[in-house]
Amino acid sequence: MRPTLLVLIAASGASVMAGGCKVSLDYCGRSLLHIGNYINQIEAAIQRAKTNPDHMMDTLFHCYGGDDGEISVVKDCGQGRCHDSGAGKSDYCASSARFKLVEQYAE
């Protein structure tokens, strides 16, 4: 195999891995959809956990990584309550008190 072909193969694999979730971090459903094509993993994890599929964007998932981007449901945060903490940090469910405070100032 030619060296340039090996470099292209290695680079394409690295770009796929770079777009995946980071092992041991928690992600809101919407965050997973922003970083990669996680719809199949999200749907499967929600089905295994028997949580409400209508809340997939506001469900918190744990990243186990691997070739298939394995995830599992941590918690259904409730509508609008899954908070994106930014790159390199775990997302989390906002508490009811905090959520009410945010709603109050958003009006």
N, C-alpha and C. Protein backbone atom coordinates (compact mmCIF):
# COMPACT_ATOMS: atom_id res chain seq x y z
N MET A 1 0.84 -1.18 0.00
CA MET A 1 0.00 0.00 0.00
C MET A 1 0.89 1.24 0.00
N ARG A 2 0.46 2.24 -0.72
CA ARG A 2 1.25 3.46 -0.80
C ARG A 2 1.12 4.28 0.49
N PRO A 3 2.20 4.98 0.87
CA PRO A 3 2.18 5.77 2.10
C PRO A 3 1.06 6.81 2.13
N THR A 4 0.76 7.44 0.97
CA THR A 4 -0.30 8.46 0.96
C THR A 4 -1.65 7.85 1.27
N LEU A 5 -1.88 6.63 0.80
CA LEU A 5 -3.15 5.95 1.08
C LEU A 5 -3.26 5.63 2.56
N LEU A 6 -2.17 5.21 3.17
CA LEU A 6 -2.17 4.92 4.60
C LEU A 6 -2.47 6.18 5.42
N VAL A 7 -1.91 7.30 5.01
CA VAL A 7 -2.16 8.56 5.70
C VAL A 7 -3.63 8.95 5.59
N LEU A 8 -4.21 8.78 4.41
CA LEU A 8 -5.63 9.11 4.22
C LEU A 8 -6.53 8.23 5.07
N ILE A 9 -6.22 6.94 5.14
CA ILE A 9 -7.01 6.02 5.95
C ILE A 9 -6.91 6.40 7.42
N ALA A 10 -5.71 6.68 7.89
CA ALA A 10 -5.51 7.06 9.29
C ALA A 10 -6.22 8.37 9.61
N ALA A 11 -6.16 9.33 8.71
CA ALA A 11 -6.80 10.62 8.94
C ALA A 11 -8.31 10.49 8.97
N SER A 12 -8.88 9.66 8.09
CA SER A 12 -10.34 9.51 8.09
C SER A 12 -10.81 8.84 9.36
N GLY A 13 -10.07 7.89 9.88
CA GLY A 13 -10.43 7.25 11.15
C GLY A 13 -10.34 8.21 12.30
N ALA A 14 -9.34 9.07 12.30
CA ALA A 14 -9.18 10.04 13.38
C ALA A 14 -10.31 11.06 13.38
N SER A 15 -10.78 11.45 12.21
CA SER A 15 -11.86 12.44 12.17
C SER A 15 -13.17 11.85 12.67
N VAL A 16 -13.40 10.56 12.43
CA VAL A 16 -14.61 9.92 12.95
C VAL A 16 -14.53 9.86 14.47
N MET A 17 -13.38 9.49 15.01
CA MET A 17 -13.22 9.39 16.46
C MET A 17 -13.32 10.76 17.12
N ALA A 18 -12.82 11.80 16.45
CA ALA A 18 -12.84 13.13 17.04
C ALA A 18 -14.26 13.65 17.22
N GLY A 19 -15.21 13.16 16.40
CA GLY A 19 -16.58 13.62 16.48
C GLY A 19 -17.43 12.85 17.46
N GLY A 20 -16.84 11.89 18.18
CA GLY A 20 -17.62 11.07 19.11
C GLY A 20 -17.64 11.66 20.50
N CYS A 21 -18.48 11.03 21.33
CA CYS A 21 -18.54 11.48 22.73
C CYS A 21 -17.26 11.08 23.45
N LYS A 22 -16.95 11.82 24.49
CA LYS A 22 -15.76 11.54 25.30
C LYS A 22 -16.13 10.57 26.41
N VAL A 23 -15.36 9.49 26.51
CA VAL A 23 -15.61 8.45 27.50
C VAL A 23 -15.70 9.05 28.90
N SER A 24 -16.68 8.63 29.64
CA SER A 24 -16.97 8.98 31.04
C SER A 24 -17.70 10.30 31.23
N LEU A 25 -17.95 11.05 30.15
CA LEU A 25 -18.73 12.29 30.29
C LEU A 25 -20.21 12.00 30.07
N ASP A 26 -21.07 12.86 30.63
CA ASP A 26 -22.51 12.77 30.43
C ASP A 26 -22.94 13.84 29.43
N TYR A 27 -23.91 13.49 28.59
CA TYR A 27 -24.37 14.38 27.52
C TYR A 27 -25.89 14.43 27.46
N CYS A 28 -26.42 15.62 27.20
CA CYS A 28 -27.83 15.75 26.87
C CYS A 28 -28.01 15.16 25.47
N GLY A 29 -29.21 14.69 25.18
CA GLY A 29 -29.49 14.15 23.85
C GLY A 29 -29.16 15.13 22.75
N ARG A 30 -29.52 16.40 22.94
CA ARG A 30 -29.25 17.40 21.89
C ARG A 30 -27.75 17.59 21.69
N SER A 31 -26.96 17.45 22.75
CA SER A 31 -25.50 17.59 22.63
C SER A 31 -24.93 16.45 21.80
N LEU A 32 -25.43 15.23 22.04
CA LEU A 32 -24.95 14.08 21.26
C LEU A 32 -25.27 14.25 19.78
N LEU A 33 -26.44 14.79 19.48
CA LEU A 33 -26.81 14.99 18.08
C LEU A 33 -25.97 16.09 17.43
N HIS A 34 -25.48 17.03 18.21
CA HIS A 34 -24.61 18.09 17.67
C HIS A 34 -23.21 17.56 17.37
N ILE A 35 -22.72 16.61 18.16
CA ILE A 35 -21.34 16.14 17.94
C ILE A 35 -21.25 14.98 16.97
N GLY A 36 -22.36 14.32 16.68
CA GLY A 36 -22.31 13.19 15.76
C GLY A 36 -23.67 12.60 15.49
N ASN A 37 -23.69 11.56 14.69
CA ASN A 37 -24.93 10.89 14.31
C ASN A 37 -25.27 9.85 15.37
N TYR A 38 -25.84 10.28 16.46
CA TYR A 38 -26.15 9.40 17.59
C TYR A 38 -27.61 9.00 17.67
N ILE A 39 -28.40 9.29 16.66
CA ILE A 39 -29.84 9.04 16.75
C ILE A 39 -30.15 7.57 17.03
N ASN A 40 -29.46 6.65 16.37
CA ASN A 40 -29.72 5.22 16.60
C ASN A 40 -29.35 4.80 18.01
N GLN A 41 -28.20 5.28 18.51
CA GLN A 41 -27.78 4.95 19.87
C GLN A 41 -28.73 5.55 20.90
N ILE A 42 -29.19 6.78 20.66
CA ILE A 42 -30.13 7.44 21.57
C ILE A 42 -31.43 6.66 21.65
N GLU A 43 -31.98 6.31 20.49
CA GLU A 43 -33.24 5.57 20.46
C GLU A 43 -33.10 4.22 21.15
N ALA A 44 -32.00 3.52 20.91
CA ALA A 44 -31.78 2.21 21.54
C ALA A 44 -31.63 2.34 23.06
N ALA A 45 -30.88 3.35 23.51
CA ALA A 45 -30.67 3.55 24.95
C ALA A 45 -31.98 3.90 25.65
N ILE A 46 -32.80 4.73 25.02
CA ILE A 46 -34.11 5.10 25.59
C ILE A 46 -35.02 3.89 25.67
N GLN A 47 -34.98 3.06 24.64
CA GLN A 47 -35.81 1.84 24.64
C GLN A 47 -35.36 0.89 25.75
N ARG A 48 -34.04 0.71 25.92
CA ARG A 48 -33.53 -0.17 26.98
C ARG A 48 -33.92 0.35 28.37
N ALA A 49 -33.87 1.67 28.54
CA ALA A 49 -34.16 2.28 29.84
C ALA A 49 -35.66 2.48 30.08
N LYS A 50 -36.45 2.29 29.02
CA LYS A 50 -37.90 2.47 29.11
C LYS A 50 -38.28 3.88 29.57
N THR A 51 -37.56 4.88 29.04
CA THR A 51 -37.90 6.27 29.34
C THR A 51 -38.70 6.85 28.17
N ASN A 52 -39.22 8.03 28.34
CA ASN A 52 -40.08 8.67 27.35
C ASN A 52 -39.28 9.14 26.13
N PRO A 53 -39.55 8.56 24.95
CA PRO A 53 -38.81 8.97 23.75
C PRO A 53 -39.08 10.42 23.34
N ASP A 54 -40.20 10.99 23.80
CA ASP A 54 -40.50 12.39 23.48
C ASP A 54 -39.53 13.35 24.17
N HIS A 55 -38.81 12.86 25.18
CA HIS A 55 -37.86 13.69 25.93
C HIS A 55 -36.41 13.44 25.53
N MET A 56 -36.18 12.85 24.36
CA MET A 56 -34.82 12.44 23.99
C MET A 56 -33.82 13.59 24.02
N MET A 57 -34.23 14.79 23.68
CA MET A 57 -33.31 15.93 23.67
C MET A 57 -32.92 16.33 25.09
N ASP A 58 -33.83 16.11 26.05
CA ASP A 58 -33.59 16.48 27.44
C ASP A 58 -33.35 15.27 28.33
N THR A 59 -32.86 14.19 27.73
CA THR A 59 -32.44 13.02 28.49
C THR A 59 -30.93 13.08 28.62
N LEU A 60 -30.43 12.73 29.79
CA LEU A 60 -28.99 12.73 30.06
C LEU A 60 -28.44 11.34 29.80
N PHE A 61 -27.37 11.25 29.01
CA PHE A 61 -26.75 9.98 28.64
C PHE A 61 -25.30 9.93 29.12
N HIS A 62 -24.84 8.74 29.47
CA HIS A 62 -23.44 8.54 29.84
C HIS A 62 -22.71 7.92 28.65
N CYS A 63 -21.52 8.42 28.35
CA CYS A 63 -20.73 7.93 27.22
C CYS A 63 -19.74 6.85 27.67
N TYR A 64 -19.86 5.68 27.07
CA TYR A 64 -18.91 4.59 27.31
C TYR A 64 -17.92 4.50 26.15
N GLY A 65 -18.21 5.18 25.04
CA GLY A 65 -17.32 5.21 23.89
C GLY A 65 -17.35 3.93 23.10
N GLY A 66 -16.18 3.49 22.67
CA GLY A 66 -16.09 2.30 21.84
C GLY A 66 -16.36 2.60 20.39
N ASP A 67 -16.26 1.57 19.56
CA ASP A 67 -16.43 1.74 18.12
C ASP A 67 -17.82 2.23 17.73
N ASP A 68 -18.84 1.84 18.50
CA ASP A 68 -20.21 2.22 18.17
C ASP A 68 -20.70 3.42 18.96
N GLY A 69 -19.85 4.07 19.71
CA GLY A 69 -20.27 5.21 20.52
C GLY A 69 -21.30 4.82 21.55
N GLU A 70 -21.00 3.78 22.32
CA GLU A 70 -21.96 3.24 23.28
C GLU A 70 -22.33 4.27 24.35
N ILE A 71 -23.65 4.39 24.58
CA ILE A 71 -24.19 5.30 25.58
C ILE A 71 -25.28 4.59 26.38
N SER A 72 -25.61 5.14 27.53
CA SER A 72 -26.76 4.64 28.30
C SER A 72 -27.46 5.83 28.94
N VAL A 73 -28.74 5.63 29.25
CA VAL A 73 -29.53 6.69 29.88
C VAL A 73 -29.13 6.83 31.34
N VAL A 74 -28.87 8.05 31.76
CA VAL A 74 -28.63 8.36 33.16
C VAL A 74 -29.96 8.78 33.79
N LYS A 75 -30.65 9.72 33.10
CA LYS A 75 -31.87 10.28 33.67
C LYS A 75 -32.64 11.08 32.61
N ASP A 76 -33.96 11.05 32.70
CA ASP A 76 -34.81 11.94 31.92
C ASP A 76 -34.91 13.23 32.73
N CYS A 77 -34.30 14.29 32.25
CA CYS A 77 -34.24 15.54 33.01
C CYS A 77 -35.57 16.29 33.05
N GLY A 78 -36.44 16.03 32.10
CA GLY A 78 -37.67 16.80 31.98
C GLY A 78 -37.49 17.88 30.93
N GLN A 79 -38.58 18.31 30.36
CA GLN A 79 -38.54 19.26 29.25
C GLN A 79 -37.75 20.53 29.59
N GLY A 80 -36.74 20.80 28.76
CA GLY A 80 -35.94 22.01 28.90
C GLY A 80 -34.97 22.04 30.06
N ARG A 81 -34.78 20.90 30.74
CA ARG A 81 -33.96 20.91 31.96
C ARG A 81 -32.58 20.27 31.80
N CYS A 82 -32.24 19.78 30.62
CA CYS A 82 -30.91 19.22 30.44
C CYS A 82 -29.98 20.37 30.03
N HIS A 83 -28.93 20.57 30.81
CA HIS A 83 -28.04 21.72 30.63
C HIS A 83 -26.72 21.30 29.98
N ASP A 84 -26.37 21.96 28.88
CA ASP A 84 -25.11 21.74 28.18
C ASP A 84 -24.02 22.52 28.90
N SER A 85 -23.02 21.82 29.42
CA SER A 85 -21.94 22.46 30.18
C SER A 85 -20.77 22.92 29.33
N GLY A 86 -20.80 22.64 28.04
CA GLY A 86 -19.71 23.05 27.16
C GLY A 86 -18.71 21.92 26.95
N ALA A 87 -17.78 22.15 26.05
CA ALA A 87 -16.81 21.14 25.65
C ALA A 87 -15.96 20.66 26.82
N GLY A 88 -15.80 19.35 26.91
CA GLY A 88 -14.92 18.76 27.92
C GLY A 88 -15.52 18.64 29.31
N LYS A 89 -16.79 19.02 29.47
CA LYS A 89 -17.46 18.94 30.78
C LYS A 89 -18.75 18.14 30.64
N SER A 90 -19.12 17.45 31.70
CA SER A 90 -20.38 16.70 31.69
C SER A 90 -21.57 17.64 31.73
N ASP A 91 -22.58 17.33 30.90
CA ASP A 91 -23.86 18.02 30.98
C ASP A 91 -24.57 17.54 32.24
N TYR A 92 -25.65 18.21 32.62
CA TYR A 92 -26.37 17.81 33.83
C TYR A 92 -27.83 18.25 33.75
N CYS A 93 -28.65 17.68 34.63
CA CYS A 93 -30.05 18.06 34.75
C CYS A 93 -30.13 19.25 35.71
N ALA A 94 -30.78 20.32 35.27
CA ALA A 94 -30.98 21.48 36.13
C ALA A 94 -32.05 21.16 37.16
N SER A 95 -31.84 21.58 38.39
CA SER A 95 -32.81 21.33 39.46
C SER A 95 -34.08 22.14 39.21
N SER A 96 -35.16 21.73 39.84
CA SER A 96 -36.44 22.44 39.69
C SER A 96 -36.32 23.89 40.12
N ALA A 97 -35.65 24.15 41.24
CA ALA A 97 -35.51 25.52 41.75
C ALA A 97 -34.72 26.37 40.76
N ARG A 98 -33.63 25.82 40.25
CA ARG A 98 -32.81 26.57 39.29
C ARG A 98 -33.59 26.81 38.01
N PHE A 99 -34.35 25.80 37.58
CA PHE A 99 -35.13 25.91 36.35
C PHE A 99 -36.17 27.02 36.49
N LYS A 100 -36.85 27.09 37.63
CA LYS A 100 -37.86 28.13 37.86
C LYS A 100 -37.22 29.51 37.87
N LEU A 101 -36.04 29.63 38.43
CA LEU A 101 -35.32 30.90 38.46
C LEU A 101 -34.96 31.35 37.05
N VAL A 102 -34.49 30.43 36.24
CA VAL A 102 -34.13 30.74 34.85
C VAL A 102 -35.38 31.16 34.08
N GLU A 103 -36.49 30.43 34.28
CA GLU A 103 -37.74 30.79 33.61
C GLU A 103 -38.19 32.19 34.01
N GLN A 104 -38.06 32.51 35.28
CA GLN A 104 -38.50 33.80 35.80
C GLN A 104 -37.75 34.94 35.11
N TYR A 105 -36.44 34.80 34.95
CA TYR A 105 -35.64 35.86 34.34
C TYR A 105 -35.72 35.87 32.82
N ALA A 106 -36.22 34.78 32.24
CA ALA A 106 -36.35 34.71 30.79
C ALA A 106 -37.59 35.46 30.31
N GLU A 107 -38.54 35.69 31.20
CA GLU A 107 -39.79 36.35 30.81
C GLU A 107 -39.63 37.83 30.62
